[in-house]
């Protein structure tokens, strides 16, 4: 992992296509990301939540379908 110190207003460029800029520090750092539209930018917590839900959801569907067949 590359760790850099940047001041508000400074930026870094990744592979000549992605620009990350520090927008502000108000107790939490604000960053801006400028990347080509075809590149997907997703927060890690969203990816983690999606992975957790996808692991749980098939079991819930299976349980619901079993419950439906038992009640008939």
Protein backbone atom coordinates (compact mmCIF):
# COMPACT_ATOMS: atom_id res chain seq x y z
CA UNK A 1 0.00 0.00 0.00
CA UNK A 2 1.30 3.42 -0.92
CA UNK A 3 0.65 6.03 1.79
CA UNK A 4 1.00 9.70 0.88
CA UNK A 5 0.59 12.93 2.77
CA UNK A 6 -1.38 15.56 0.88
CA UNK A 7 -2.60 18.99 1.86
CA UNK A 8 -6.04 20.35 1.02
CA UNK A 9 -6.07 21.23 -2.67
CA UNK A 10 -3.26 18.80 -3.58
CA UNK A 11 -3.90 15.72 -5.70
CA UNK A 12 -2.36 12.53 -7.07
CA UNK A 13 -2.84 10.93 -10.47
CA UNK A 14 -3.01 7.16 -10.96
CA UNK A 15 -2.04 5.65 -14.31
CA UNK A 16 -2.61 8.97 -16.05
CA UNK A 17 -6.38 8.41 -15.84
CA UNK A 18 -7.52 8.69 -12.24
CA UNK A 19 -7.09 11.88 -10.25
CA UNK A 20 -7.65 11.93 -6.49
CA UNK A 21 -7.79 15.35 -4.86
CA UNK A 22 -8.01 16.29 -1.18
CA UNK A 23 -11.01 18.62 -1.00
CA UNK A 24 -11.04 19.37 2.71
CA UNK A 25 -10.36 18.22 6.22
CA UNK A 26 -13.25 18.93 8.57
CA UNK A 27 -12.56 16.22 11.13
CA UNK A 28 -12.98 13.76 8.24
CA UNK A 29 -10.96 14.02 5.07
CA UNK A 30 -12.91 14.81 1.91
CA UNK A 31 -11.51 13.50 -1.35
CA UNK A 32 -12.53 13.90 -4.94
CA UNK A 33 -11.96 11.22 -7.56
CA UNK A 34 -11.91 12.03 -11.25
CA UNK A 35 -11.79 8.85 -13.35
CA UNK A 36 -13.02 7.73 -16.77
CA UNK A 37 -16.75 6.93 -16.82
CA UNK A 38 -16.14 3.26 -17.66
CA UNK A 39 -14.29 2.73 -14.36
CA UNK A 40 -16.44 1.73 -11.40
CA UNK A 41 -15.73 3.54 -8.12
CA UNK A 42 -17.30 1.91 -5.08
CA UNK A 43 -16.74 2.49 -1.35
CA UNK A 44 -15.36 -0.60 0.39
CA UNK A 45 -18.19 -0.66 2.95
CA UNK A 46 -20.72 -0.95 0.11
CA UNK A 47 -18.81 -3.89 -1.40
CA UNK A 48 -18.62 -5.59 2.01
CA UNK A 49 -22.35 -5.10 2.65
CA UNK A 50 -23.21 -6.47 -0.79
CA UNK A 51 -21.05 -9.53 -0.17
CA UNK A 52 -22.69 -10.14 3.24
CA UNK A 53 -26.19 -9.82 1.77
CA UNK A 54 -25.40 -12.12 -1.15
CA UNK A 55 -24.21 -14.80 1.31
CA UNK A 56 -27.34 -14.47 3.49
CA UNK A 57 -29.96 -14.02 0.76
CA UNK A 58 -29.79 -17.49 -0.87
CA UNK A 59 -30.41 -19.08 2.54
CA UNK A 60 -33.39 -16.82 3.17
CA UNK A 61 -34.88 -17.67 -0.22
CA UNK A 62 -34.36 -21.40 0.43
CA UNK A 63 -36.02 -21.16 3.86
CA UNK A 64 -38.97 -19.21 2.42
CA UNK A 65 -39.47 -21.75 -0.37
CA UNK A 66 -39.36 -24.63 2.14
CA UNK A 67 -41.90 -22.85 4.34
CA UNK A 68 -44.20 -22.37 1.33
CA UNK A 69 -44.10 -26.05 0.38
CA UNK A 70 -44.73 -27.17 3.97
CA UNK A 71 -47.85 -25.04 4.36
CA UNK A 72 -49.59 -26.59 1.32
